[in-house]
Amino acid sequence: MIAVSKTKPLEELQKAYDCGVRDFGENKVQEILKKAPAMPADARFHMIGHLQRNKVRQVLPYVTMIHSVDSVRLALEIQREAQRANRAIDILLEINVAGEESKFGFSPEEVMDALSEIRDFSNVHVCGLMTIAPFVENSEENRPIFKKLFQLCVDIKRKNIDNSSMAVLSMGMTGDYVVAVEEGATMVRVGTGIFGAR
């Protein structure tokens, strides 16, 4: 479980940490830069929001995983900066399953081509896929979205592509994480359910 701590003050992250939370999700680079150094060393930060290529160098020292890789160009920039820093970084490819114009991400049809380019990046490891499902009143409406992402993950895994393990499926938030888990999520991003309404 990723505790989505965006916009929340450090004191609230510390309270969650004291209750056993170790994985925190942030949408903005500047929040990670401020919070990560102030938290205990075993707190892990995940970049879950849209990441601009010019911010990769700043955020890389502080993140465990980047969930929101939405282009090969971004993956290449992460590769360059990770190589420069002499480290490897775990990433997820963001998939716009619902095809929403307001959302970032690869279409399901673009993923294989992207993986065929990223497979040669020595300092980047594709651990799986991520999606942000539409906001709905009834979480059941998102079940087909989660099913489709799970099936895409299975299809990719069968192809045994170098440099991609497909061990992680990051999908589901406070309103629909139960359905997401039923459909195969291995990571859920819960903010309101932990920290309350923003």
N, C-alpha and C. Protein backbone atom coordinates (compact mmCIF):
# COMPACT_ATOMS: atom_id res chain seq x y z
N MET A 1 0.83 -1.19 0.00
CA MET A 1 0.00 0.00 0.00
C MET A 1 0.87 1.25 0.00
N ILE A 2 0.56 2.16 -0.93
CA ILE A 2 1.26 3.45 -0.99
C ILE A 2 0.36 4.49 -0.33
N ALA A 3 0.85 5.12 0.72
CA ALA A 3 0.08 6.18 1.38
C ALA A 3 0.30 7.47 0.60
N VAL A 4 -0.74 7.94 -0.06
CA VAL A 4 -0.61 9.14 -0.90
C VAL A 4 -0.66 10.37 -0.01
N SER A 5 0.52 10.94 0.19
CA SER A 5 0.69 12.02 1.18
C SER A 5 0.77 13.39 0.54
N LYS A 6 0.41 13.50 -0.74
CA LYS A 6 0.50 14.79 -1.43
C LYS A 6 -0.30 15.85 -0.69
N THR A 7 0.27 17.02 -0.60
CA THR A 7 -0.29 18.22 0.08
C THR A 7 -0.35 18.10 1.60
N LYS A 8 -0.01 16.94 2.14
CA LYS A 8 -0.10 16.76 3.59
C LYS A 8 1.20 17.19 4.27
N PRO A 9 1.10 17.81 5.46
CA PRO A 9 2.31 18.26 6.16
C PRO A 9 3.12 17.08 6.70
N LEU A 10 4.37 17.37 6.96
CA LEU A 10 5.32 16.36 7.43
C LEU A 10 4.83 15.66 8.70
N GLU A 11 4.17 16.39 9.59
CA GLU A 11 3.70 15.80 10.85
C GLU A 11 2.74 14.63 10.58
N GLU A 12 1.90 14.78 9.54
CA GLU A 12 0.95 13.72 9.24
C GLU A 12 1.65 12.50 8.65
N LEU A 13 2.68 12.73 7.86
CA LEU A 13 3.47 11.60 7.34
C LEU A 13 4.14 10.87 8.49
N GLN A 14 4.64 11.64 9.46
CA GLN A 14 5.32 11.02 10.60
C GLN A 14 4.34 10.18 11.42
N LYS A 15 3.10 10.67 11.57
CA LYS A 15 2.08 9.89 12.29
C LYS A 15 1.80 8.58 11.56
N ALA A 16 1.69 8.64 10.24
CA ALA A 16 1.45 7.43 9.45
C ALA A 16 2.64 6.48 9.58
N TYR A 17 3.84 7.05 9.55
CA TYR A 17 5.07 6.25 9.71
C TYR A 17 5.04 5.54 11.07
N ASP A 18 4.66 6.26 12.11
CA ASP A 18 4.61 5.69 13.45
C ASP A 18 3.60 4.55 13.56
N CYS A 19 2.61 4.56 12.65
CA CYS A 19 1.60 3.48 12.62
C CYS A 19 2.04 2.32 11.72
N GLY A 20 3.23 2.42 11.13
CA GLY A 20 3.76 1.31 10.34
C GLY A 20 3.88 1.55 8.84
N VAL A 21 3.39 2.71 8.36
CA VAL A 21 3.50 2.99 6.92
C VAL A 21 4.95 3.29 6.56
N ARG A 22 5.42 2.70 5.47
CA ARG A 22 6.79 2.97 5.00
C ARG A 22 6.84 3.51 3.58
N ASP A 23 5.75 3.34 2.83
CA ASP A 23 5.74 3.78 1.43
C ASP A 23 4.79 4.97 1.25
N PHE A 24 5.34 6.05 0.75
CA PHE A 24 4.59 7.30 0.58
C PHE A 24 4.59 7.71 -0.89
N GLY A 25 3.44 8.17 -1.36
CA GLY A 25 3.32 8.59 -2.75
C GLY A 25 3.13 10.08 -2.86
N GLU A 26 3.90 10.71 -3.73
CA GLU A 26 3.81 12.16 -3.94
C GLU A 26 3.63 12.45 -5.42
N ASN A 27 2.87 13.51 -5.69
CA ASN A 27 2.61 13.93 -7.08
C ASN A 27 3.61 14.96 -7.59
N LYS A 28 4.21 15.70 -6.67
CA LYS A 28 5.06 16.81 -7.08
C LYS A 28 6.50 16.63 -6.59
N VAL A 29 7.42 16.95 -7.48
CA VAL A 29 8.84 16.81 -7.16
C VAL A 29 9.21 17.65 -5.95
N GLN A 30 8.71 18.89 -5.90
CA GLN A 30 9.12 19.78 -4.79
C GLN A 30 8.68 19.24 -3.43
N GLU A 31 7.56 18.51 -3.40
CA GLU A 31 7.12 17.93 -2.12
C GLU A 31 8.05 16.79 -1.70
N ILE A 32 8.49 15.99 -2.65
CA ILE A 32 9.44 14.91 -2.33
C ILE A 32 10.75 15.51 -1.83
N LEU A 33 11.23 16.55 -2.50
CA LEU A 33 12.50 17.17 -2.11
C LEU A 33 12.44 17.72 -0.69
N LYS A 34 11.27 18.17 -0.29
CA LYS A 34 11.10 18.74 1.05
C LYS A 34 10.91 17.65 2.11
N LYS A 35 10.11 16.63 1.78
CA LYS A 35 9.71 15.65 2.78
C LYS A 35 10.69 14.49 2.95
N ALA A 36 11.20 13.97 1.85
CA ALA A 36 12.04 12.76 1.93
C ALA A 36 13.24 12.93 2.85
N PRO A 37 14.00 14.03 2.77
CA PRO A 37 15.16 14.16 3.66
C PRO A 37 14.79 14.29 5.13
N ALA A 38 13.55 14.71 5.39
CA ALA A 38 13.12 14.94 6.78
C ALA A 38 12.51 13.71 7.43
N MET A 39 12.27 12.67 6.64
CA MET A 39 11.66 11.45 7.18
C MET A 39 12.74 10.44 7.56
N PRO A 40 12.39 9.44 8.40
CA PRO A 40 13.37 8.40 8.74
C PRO A 40 13.92 7.72 7.48
N ALA A 41 15.12 7.19 7.61
CA ALA A 41 15.84 6.66 6.44
C ALA A 41 15.13 5.50 5.75
N ASP A 42 14.29 4.75 6.48
CA ASP A 42 13.64 3.61 5.84
C ASP A 42 12.28 3.95 5.23
N ALA A 43 11.90 5.23 5.24
CA ALA A 43 10.69 5.66 4.53
C ALA A 43 11.00 5.68 3.03
N ARG A 44 10.09 5.11 2.25
CA ARG A 44 10.30 5.02 0.80
C ARG A 44 9.32 5.95 0.08
N PHE A 45 9.84 6.73 -0.85
CA PHE A 45 9.00 7.67 -1.59
C PHE A 45 8.82 7.20 -3.03
N HIS A 46 7.56 7.30 -3.49
CA HIS A 46 7.19 6.90 -4.83
C HIS A 46 6.70 8.14 -5.58
N MET A 47 7.22 8.37 -6.76
CA MET A 47 6.73 9.46 -7.61
C MET A 47 5.54 8.93 -8.38
N ILE A 48 4.35 9.44 -8.05
CA ILE A 48 3.14 8.90 -8.68
C ILE A 48 2.48 9.91 -9.61
N GLY A 49 2.97 11.15 -9.62
CA GLY A 49 2.39 12.17 -10.49
C GLY A 49 3.18 12.32 -11.78
N HIS A 50 2.66 13.15 -12.66
CA HIS A 50 3.33 13.40 -13.94
C HIS A 50 4.71 13.99 -13.67
N LEU A 51 5.72 13.43 -14.31
CA LEU A 51 7.10 13.86 -14.09
C LEU A 51 7.65 14.48 -15.37
N GLN A 52 8.10 15.73 -15.25
CA GLN A 52 8.71 16.40 -16.39
C GLN A 52 10.17 15.96 -16.50
N ARG A 53 10.65 15.88 -17.73
CA ARG A 53 12.01 15.38 -17.94
C ARG A 53 13.05 16.25 -17.24
N ASN A 54 12.81 17.55 -17.17
CA ASN A 54 13.81 18.44 -16.56
C ASN A 54 13.84 18.34 -15.03
N LYS A 55 12.95 17.54 -14.45
CA LYS A 55 12.93 17.37 -12.98
C LYS A 55 13.50 16.02 -12.55
N VAL A 56 13.87 15.18 -13.52
CA VAL A 56 14.33 13.82 -13.20
C VAL A 56 15.57 13.86 -12.31
N ARG A 57 16.53 14.69 -12.66
CA ARG A 57 17.78 14.74 -11.89
C ARG A 57 17.53 15.10 -10.43
N GLN A 58 16.59 16.02 -10.20
CA GLN A 58 16.29 16.46 -8.82
C GLN A 58 15.69 15.34 -7.98
N VAL A 59 14.75 14.62 -8.57
CA VAL A 59 13.97 13.67 -7.78
C VAL A 59 14.64 12.31 -7.62
N LEU A 60 15.51 11.96 -8.54
CA LEU A 60 16.08 10.61 -8.56
C LEU A 60 16.73 10.15 -7.25
N PRO A 61 17.48 11.01 -6.55
CA PRO A 61 18.11 10.53 -5.32
C PRO A 61 17.12 10.16 -4.21
N TYR A 62 15.87 10.59 -4.33
CA TYR A 62 14.93 10.45 -3.22
C TYR A 62 13.82 9.44 -3.46
N VAL A 63 13.75 8.84 -4.65
CA VAL A 63 12.62 7.95 -4.92
C VAL A 63 13.04 6.49 -5.04
N THR A 64 12.14 5.62 -4.58
CA THR A 64 12.30 4.18 -4.70
C THR A 64 11.81 3.70 -6.05
N MET A 65 10.71 4.32 -6.50
CA MET A 65 10.08 3.90 -7.76
C MET A 65 9.38 5.09 -8.38
N ILE A 66 9.40 5.14 -9.72
CA ILE A 66 8.64 6.14 -10.46
C ILE A 66 7.49 5.41 -11.15
N HIS A 67 6.25 5.73 -10.71
CA HIS A 67 5.07 5.02 -11.20
C HIS A 67 4.54 5.58 -12.51
N SER A 68 4.96 6.77 -12.87
CA SER A 68 4.24 7.54 -13.89
C SER A 68 5.06 7.78 -15.15
N VAL A 69 5.78 6.76 -15.62
CA VAL A 69 6.56 6.91 -16.85
C VAL A 69 5.61 6.77 -18.03
N ASP A 70 5.40 7.90 -18.72
CA ASP A 70 4.36 7.95 -19.75
C ASP A 70 4.89 8.15 -21.16
N SER A 71 6.22 8.08 -21.32
CA SER A 71 6.80 8.20 -22.67
C SER A 71 8.18 7.57 -22.67
N VAL A 72 8.62 7.15 -23.84
CA VAL A 72 9.97 6.60 -23.98
C VAL A 72 11.00 7.71 -23.73
N ARG A 73 10.67 8.94 -24.11
CA ARG A 73 11.58 10.07 -23.88
C ARG A 73 11.84 10.28 -22.39
N LEU A 74 10.80 10.13 -21.58
CA LEU A 74 10.98 10.25 -20.13
C LEU A 74 11.82 9.08 -19.61
N ALA A 75 11.55 7.88 -20.09
CA ALA A 75 12.34 6.71 -19.66
C ALA A 75 13.81 6.90 -20.03
N LEU A 76 14.08 7.48 -21.19
CA LEU A 76 15.45 7.71 -21.62
C LEU A 76 16.14 8.73 -20.72
N GLU A 77 15.41 9.76 -20.32
CA GLU A 77 15.99 10.77 -19.42
C GLU A 77 16.29 10.15 -18.06
N ILE A 78 15.40 9.29 -17.58
CA ILE A 78 15.64 8.58 -16.31
C ILE A 78 16.88 7.69 -16.45
N GLN A 79 17.01 7.01 -17.58
CA GLN A 79 18.18 6.18 -17.84
C GLN A 79 19.46 7.02 -17.79
N ARG A 80 19.45 8.16 -18.46
CA ARG A 80 20.65 9.01 -18.50
C ARG A 80 21.05 9.48 -17.11
N GLU A 81 20.06 9.94 -16.34
CA GLU A 81 20.35 10.47 -15.00
C GLU A 81 20.73 9.35 -14.04
N ALA A 82 20.10 8.19 -14.16
CA ALA A 82 20.45 7.06 -13.30
C ALA A 82 21.87 6.58 -13.60
N GLN A 83 22.23 6.58 -14.87
CA GLN A 83 23.58 6.18 -15.26
C GLN A 83 24.60 7.17 -14.70
N ARG A 84 24.27 8.45 -14.81
CA ARG A 84 25.16 9.50 -14.30
C ARG A 84 25.34 9.36 -12.78
N ALA A 85 24.27 8.95 -12.09
CA ALA A 85 24.32 8.80 -10.63
C ALA A 85 24.80 7.41 -10.21
N ASN A 86 25.08 6.57 -11.19
CA ASN A 86 25.57 5.21 -10.93
C ASN A 86 24.60 4.42 -10.06
N ARG A 87 23.32 4.44 -10.45
CA ARG A 87 22.32 3.65 -9.74
C ARG A 87 21.29 3.11 -10.72
N ALA A 88 20.53 2.13 -10.27
CA ALA A 88 19.43 1.61 -11.07
C ALA A 88 18.13 2.09 -10.44
N ILE A 89 17.12 2.30 -11.27
CA ILE A 89 15.84 2.80 -10.75
C ILE A 89 14.69 1.94 -11.30
N ASP A 90 13.77 1.61 -10.41
CA ASP A 90 12.58 0.85 -10.80
C ASP A 90 11.51 1.82 -11.31
N ILE A 91 10.88 1.45 -12.43
CA ILE A 91 9.81 2.28 -12.97
C ILE A 91 8.60 1.43 -13.31
N LEU A 92 7.46 2.09 -13.42
CA LEU A 92 6.24 1.49 -13.96
C LEU A 92 5.84 2.30 -15.18
N LEU A 93 5.29 1.66 -16.17
CA LEU A 93 4.76 2.37 -17.32
C LEU A 93 3.31 2.73 -17.04
N GLU A 94 3.00 4.01 -17.20
CA GLU A 94 1.63 4.47 -16.97
C GLU A 94 0.80 4.21 -18.22
N ILE A 95 -0.31 3.52 -18.03
CA ILE A 95 -1.18 3.15 -19.15
C ILE A 95 -2.52 3.88 -19.01
N ASN A 96 -2.90 4.59 -20.05
CA ASN A 96 -4.19 5.29 -20.07
C ASN A 96 -5.23 4.33 -20.63
N VAL A 97 -5.65 3.39 -19.79
CA VAL A 97 -6.54 2.32 -20.24
C VAL A 97 -7.87 2.86 -20.75
N ALA A 98 -8.41 3.87 -20.06
CA ALA A 98 -9.73 4.39 -20.42
C ALA A 98 -9.67 5.36 -21.60
N GLY A 99 -8.45 5.72 -22.03
CA GLY A 99 -8.31 6.64 -23.16
C GLY A 99 -8.80 8.04 -22.85
N GLU A 100 -8.68 8.47 -21.59
CA GLU A 100 -9.13 9.81 -21.21
C GLU A 100 -8.14 10.86 -21.72
N GLU A 101 -8.65 11.89 -22.38
CA GLU A 101 -7.79 12.93 -22.93
C GLU A 101 -7.08 13.73 -21.86
N SER A 102 -7.67 13.79 -20.67
CA SER A 102 -7.09 14.58 -19.58
C SER A 102 -5.96 13.84 -18.86
N LYS A 103 -5.76 12.56 -19.21
CA LYS A 103 -4.75 11.76 -18.50
C LYS A 103 -3.53 11.50 -19.38
N PHE A 104 -2.40 11.35 -18.70
CA PHE A 104 -1.17 10.98 -19.39
C PHE A 104 -1.11 9.46 -19.52
N GLY A 105 -0.12 8.98 -20.27
CA GLY A 105 0.10 7.54 -20.33
C GLY A 105 0.10 6.99 -21.73
N PHE A 106 0.69 5.79 -21.85
CA PHE A 106 0.67 5.06 -23.10
C PHE A 106 -0.73 4.49 -23.32
N SER A 107 -1.15 4.37 -24.56
CA SER A 107 -2.34 3.57 -24.84
C SER A 107 -1.92 2.10 -24.74
N PRO A 108 -2.85 1.19 -24.46
CA PRO A 108 -2.48 -0.23 -24.37
C PRO A 108 -1.77 -0.73 -25.64
N GLU A 109 -2.12 -0.14 -26.78
CA GLU A 109 -1.53 -0.57 -28.05
C GLU A 109 -0.08 -0.10 -28.22
N GLU A 110 0.33 0.90 -27.47
CA GLU A 110 1.68 1.46 -27.60
C GLU A 110 2.73 0.79 -26.72
N VAL A 111 2.28 -0.01 -25.78
CA VAL A 111 3.17 -0.49 -24.73
C VAL A 111 4.28 -1.39 -25.25
N MET A 112 3.94 -2.30 -26.15
CA MET A 112 4.96 -3.24 -26.63
C MET A 112 6.09 -2.51 -27.36
N ASP A 113 5.74 -1.52 -28.17
CA ASP A 113 6.78 -0.75 -28.87
C ASP A 113 7.67 -0.02 -27.87
N ALA A 114 7.05 0.54 -26.83
CA ALA A 114 7.82 1.25 -25.80
C ALA A 114 8.79 0.29 -25.10
N LEU A 115 8.29 -0.88 -24.74
CA LEU A 115 9.14 -1.86 -24.05
C LEU A 115 10.29 -2.33 -24.93
N SER A 116 10.06 -2.41 -26.22
CA SER A 116 11.13 -2.86 -27.12
C SER A 116 12.27 -1.84 -27.18
N GLU A 117 11.96 -0.56 -26.90
CA GLU A 117 13.02 0.45 -26.83
C GLU A 117 13.68 0.47 -25.44
N ILE A 118 12.87 0.37 -24.40
CA ILE A 118 13.37 0.49 -23.03
C ILE A 118 14.17 -0.76 -22.61
N ARG A 119 13.97 -1.86 -23.29
CA ARG A 119 14.65 -3.12 -22.90
C ARG A 119 16.17 -2.98 -22.86
N ASP A 120 16.71 -2.03 -23.61
CA ASP A 120 18.17 -1.87 -23.67
C ASP A 120 18.71 -0.85 -22.67
N PHE A 121 17.82 -0.27 -21.87
CA PHE A 121 18.27 0.74 -20.89
C PHE A 121 18.84 0.03 -19.66
N SER A 122 20.13 0.17 -19.44
CA SER A 122 20.80 -0.62 -18.41
C SER A 122 20.51 -0.17 -16.98
N ASN A 123 20.11 1.09 -16.78
CA ASN A 123 19.92 1.61 -15.42
C ASN A 123 18.45 1.81 -15.05
N VAL A 124 17.57 1.31 -15.90
CA VAL A 124 16.13 1.41 -15.67
C VAL A 124 15.55 0.00 -15.72
N HIS A 125 14.70 -0.34 -14.75
CA HIS A 125 14.04 -1.65 -14.77
C HIS A 125 12.53 -1.45 -14.74
N VAL A 126 11.85 -1.96 -15.75
CA VAL A 126 10.38 -1.87 -15.80
C VAL A 126 9.80 -2.98 -14.94
N CYS A 127 9.24 -2.58 -13.80
CA CYS A 127 8.71 -3.56 -12.84
C CYS A 127 7.25 -3.91 -13.09
N GLY A 128 6.57 -3.12 -13.94
CA GLY A 128 5.17 -3.40 -14.19
C GLY A 128 4.45 -2.20 -14.76
N LEU A 129 3.13 -2.17 -14.51
CA LEU A 129 2.26 -1.16 -15.11
C LEU A 129 1.48 -0.41 -14.04
N MET A 130 1.05 0.78 -14.40
CA MET A 130 0.23 1.61 -13.51
C MET A 130 -0.88 2.25 -14.32
N THR A 131 -2.04 2.44 -13.70
CA THR A 131 -3.10 3.23 -14.33
C THR A 131 -3.82 4.05 -13.28
N ILE A 132 -4.37 5.16 -13.74
CA ILE A 132 -5.27 5.97 -12.92
C ILE A 132 -6.64 5.82 -13.55
N ALA A 133 -7.51 5.11 -12.88
CA ALA A 133 -8.85 4.86 -13.42
C ALA A 133 -9.70 6.12 -13.29
N PRO A 134 -10.77 6.22 -14.08
CA PRO A 134 -11.65 7.40 -13.97
C PRO A 134 -12.27 7.51 -12.58
N PHE A 135 -12.59 8.75 -12.19
CA PHE A 135 -13.29 8.96 -10.92
C PHE A 135 -14.75 8.59 -11.13
N VAL A 136 -15.23 7.63 -10.37
CA VAL A 136 -16.62 7.17 -10.51
C VAL A 136 -17.27 7.07 -9.13
N GLU A 137 -18.58 7.17 -9.10
CA GLU A 137 -19.32 7.02 -7.85
C GLU A 137 -19.35 5.55 -7.42
N ASN A 138 -19.53 4.66 -8.39
CA ASN A 138 -19.63 3.23 -8.12
C ASN A 138 -18.34 2.56 -8.58
N SER A 139 -17.57 2.04 -7.64
CA SER A 139 -16.26 1.46 -7.98
C SER A 139 -16.35 0.31 -8.97
N GLU A 140 -17.50 -0.35 -9.04
CA GLU A 140 -17.68 -1.46 -9.99
C GLU A 140 -17.49 -1.00 -11.43
N GLU A 141 -17.74 0.28 -11.68
CA GLU A 141 -17.59 0.80 -13.04
C GLU A 141 -16.13 0.72 -13.51
N ASN A 142 -15.20 0.68 -12.57
CA ASN A 142 -13.80 0.61 -12.96
C ASN A 142 -13.27 -0.82 -13.08
N ARG A 143 -14.10 -1.80 -12.76
CA ARG A 143 -13.64 -3.19 -12.84
C ARG A 143 -13.12 -3.54 -14.25
N PRO A 144 -13.82 -3.15 -15.33
CA PRO A 144 -13.30 -3.48 -16.67
C PRO A 144 -11.93 -2.84 -16.95
N ILE A 145 -11.69 -1.66 -16.40
CA ILE A 145 -10.39 -0.98 -16.57
C ILE A 145 -9.29 -1.83 -15.92
N PHE A 146 -9.54 -2.25 -14.69
CA PHE A 146 -8.55 -3.04 -13.96
C PHE A 146 -8.34 -4.41 -14.62
N LYS A 147 -9.42 -5.01 -15.09
CA LYS A 147 -9.30 -6.30 -15.80
C LYS A 147 -8.41 -6.16 -17.03
N LYS A 148 -8.61 -5.07 -17.78
CA LYS A 148 -7.86 -4.86 -19.01
C LYS A 148 -6.37 -4.67 -18.71
N LEU A 149 -6.06 -3.92 -17.64
CA LEU A 149 -4.66 -3.71 -17.31
C LEU A 149 -4.01 -5.01 -16.84
N PHE A 150 -4.74 -5.77 -16.05
CA PHE A 150 -4.22 -7.07 -15.60
C PHE A 150 -3.91 -7.97 -16.80
N GLN A 151 -4.84 -8.03 -17.77
CA GLN A 151 -4.64 -8.88 -18.94
C GLN A 151 -3.45 -8.41 -19.76
N LEU A 152 -3.29 -7.08 -19.87
CA LEU A 152 -2.13 -6.53 -20.59
C LEU A 152 -0.84 -6.95 -19.90
N CYS A 153 -0.83 -6.89 -18.59
CA CYS A 153 0.33 -7.30 -17.80
C CYS A 153 0.66 -8.77 -18.04
N VAL A 154 -0.36 -9.62 -18.04
CA VAL A 154 -0.18 -11.06 -18.29
C VAL A 154 0.39 -11.29 -19.69
N ASP A 155 -0.16 -10.57 -20.68
CA ASP A 155 0.28 -10.74 -22.06
C ASP A 155 1.76 -10.35 -22.22
N ILE A 156 2.15 -9.26 -21.56
CA ILE A 156 3.54 -8.81 -21.64
C ILE A 156 4.46 -9.82 -20.96
N LYS A 157 4.02 -10.31 -19.80
CA LYS A 157 4.84 -11.27 -19.04
C LYS A 157 5.13 -12.52 -19.88
N ARG A 158 4.13 -12.95 -20.64
CA ARG A 158 4.30 -14.15 -21.49
C ARG A 158 5.38 -13.97 -22.55
N LYS A 159 5.62 -12.74 -22.94
CA LYS A 159 6.59 -12.47 -24.01
C LYS A 159 8.03 -12.45 -23.50
N ASN A 160 8.21 -12.47 -22.17
CA ASN A 160 9.56 -12.52 -21.59
C ASN A 160 10.49 -11.45 -22.16
N ILE A 161 10.03 -10.21 -22.15
CA ILE A 161 10.85 -9.12 -22.70
C ILE A 161 11.97 -8.79 -21.71
N ASP A 162 13.16 -8.62 -22.24
CA ASP A 162 14.31 -8.26 -21.39
C ASP A 162 14.01 -6.97 -20.63
N ASN A 163 14.49 -6.91 -19.40
CA ASN A 163 14.42 -5.69 -18.60
C ASN A 163 13.01 -5.33 -18.16
N SER A 164 12.08 -6.27 -18.19
CA SER A 164 10.73 -5.99 -17.66
C SER A 164 10.21 -7.23 -16.94
N SER A 165 9.90 -7.07 -15.65
CA SER A 165 9.47 -8.23 -14.86
C SER A 165 7.96 -8.35 -14.74
N MET A 166 7.26 -7.25 -14.87
CA MET A 166 5.79 -7.23 -14.74
C MET A 166 5.31 -7.80 -13.41
N ALA A 167 6.08 -7.56 -12.36
CA ALA A 167 5.71 -8.06 -11.03
C ALA A 167 4.77 -7.11 -10.30
N VAL A 168 4.69 -5.86 -10.77
CA VAL A 168 3.91 -4.84 -10.07
C VAL A 168 2.76 -4.36 -10.94
N LEU A 169 1.58 -4.30 -10.34
CA LEU A 169 0.41 -3.72 -10.98
C LEU A 169 -0.13 -2.67 -10.01
N SER A 170 0.14 -1.40 -10.32
CA SER A 170 -0.25 -0.30 -9.44
C SER A 170 -1.56 0.28 -9.95
N MET A 171 -2.64 -0.05 -9.26
CA MET A 171 -3.96 0.46 -9.68
C MET A 171 -4.90 0.41 -8.49
N GLY A 172 -5.81 1.38 -8.47
CA GLY A 172 -6.77 1.47 -7.38
C GLY A 172 -6.40 2.54 -6.38
N MET A 173 -7.41 3.32 -5.99
CA MET A 173 -7.23 4.38 -5.00
C MET A 173 -8.28 4.23 -3.91
N THR A 174 -8.43 5.21 -3.05
CA THR A 174 -9.32 5.08 -1.90
C THR A 174 -10.70 4.57 -2.28
N GLY A 175 -11.26 5.10 -3.37
CA GLY A 175 -12.64 4.76 -3.71
C GLY A 175 -12.82 3.42 -4.39
N ASP A 176 -11.75 2.86 -4.95
CA ASP A 176 -11.94 1.63 -5.73
C ASP A 176 -10.85 0.58 -5.52
N TYR A 177 -10.05 0.73 -4.45
CA TYR A 177 -8.92 -0.19 -4.29
C TYR A 177 -9.35 -1.63 -4.04
N VAL A 178 -10.53 -1.83 -3.43
CA VAL A 178 -10.99 -3.21 -3.17
C VAL A 178 -11.22 -3.93 -4.49
N VAL A 179 -11.87 -3.26 -5.42
CA VAL A 179 -12.11 -3.84 -6.76
C VAL A 179 -10.78 -4.07 -7.46
N ALA A 180 -9.86 -3.10 -7.34
CA ALA A 180 -8.54 -3.23 -7.98
C ALA A 180 -7.79 -4.45 -7.46
N VAL A 181 -7.83 -4.67 -6.15
CA VAL A 181 -7.15 -5.83 -5.57
C VAL A 181 -7.80 -7.12 -6.07
N GLU A 182 -9.12 -7.13 -6.14
CA GLU A 182 -9.82 -8.31 -6.67
C GLU A 182 -9.39 -8.62 -8.10
N GLU A 183 -9.01 -7.58 -8.83
CA GLU A 183 -8.62 -7.76 -10.23
C GLU A 183 -7.11 -7.86 -10.43
N GLY A 184 -6.35 -8.00 -9.33
CA GLY A 184 -4.93 -8.30 -9.47
C GLY A 184 -3.95 -7.21 -9.10
N ALA A 185 -4.41 -6.11 -8.53
CA ALA A 185 -3.48 -5.06 -8.12
C ALA A 185 -2.50 -5.60 -7.08
N THR A 186 -1.23 -5.22 -7.22
CA THR A 186 -0.23 -5.56 -6.20
C THR A 186 0.15 -4.32 -5.39
N MET A 187 -0.19 -3.14 -5.93
CA MET A 187 0.01 -1.88 -5.20
C MET A 187 -1.25 -1.05 -5.36
N VAL A 188 -1.71 -0.48 -4.25
CA VAL A 188 -2.82 0.48 -4.29
C VAL A 188 -2.33 1.79 -3.72
N ARG A 189 -2.89 2.90 -4.22
CA ARG A 189 -2.47 4.23 -3.80
C ARG A 189 -3.61 4.88 -3.03
N VAL A 190 -3.47 4.89 -1.71
CA VAL A 190 -4.57 5.33 -0.85
C VAL A 190 -4.18 6.62 -0.13
N GLY A 191 -4.91 7.67 -0.38
CA GLY A 191 -4.64 8.95 0.26
C GLY A 191 -5.73 9.34 1.24
N THR A 192 -6.91 9.63 0.71
CA THR A 192 -8.05 10.07 1.54
C THR A 192 -8.37 9.05 2.62
N GLY A 193 -8.27 7.76 2.29
CA GLY A 193 -8.59 6.70 3.24
C GLY A 193 -7.65 6.66 4.44
N ILE A 194 -6.45 7.26 4.28
CA ILE A 194 -5.48 7.30 5.37
C ILE A 194 -5.41 8.67 6.03
N PHE A 195 -5.30 9.69 5.19
CA PHE A 195 -5.06 11.05 5.71
C PHE A 195 -6.32 11.90 5.81
N GLY A 196 -7.44 11.42 5.29
CA GLY A 196 -8.67 12.22 5.27
C GLY A 196 -8.73 13.09 4.03
N ALA A 197 -9.86 13.77 3.87
CA ALA A 197 -10.08 14.59 2.68
C ALA A 197 -9.08 15.73 2.61
N ARG A 198 -8.73 16.10 1.38
CA ARG A 198 -7.80 17.23 1.19
C ARG A 198 -8.58 18.53 1.14
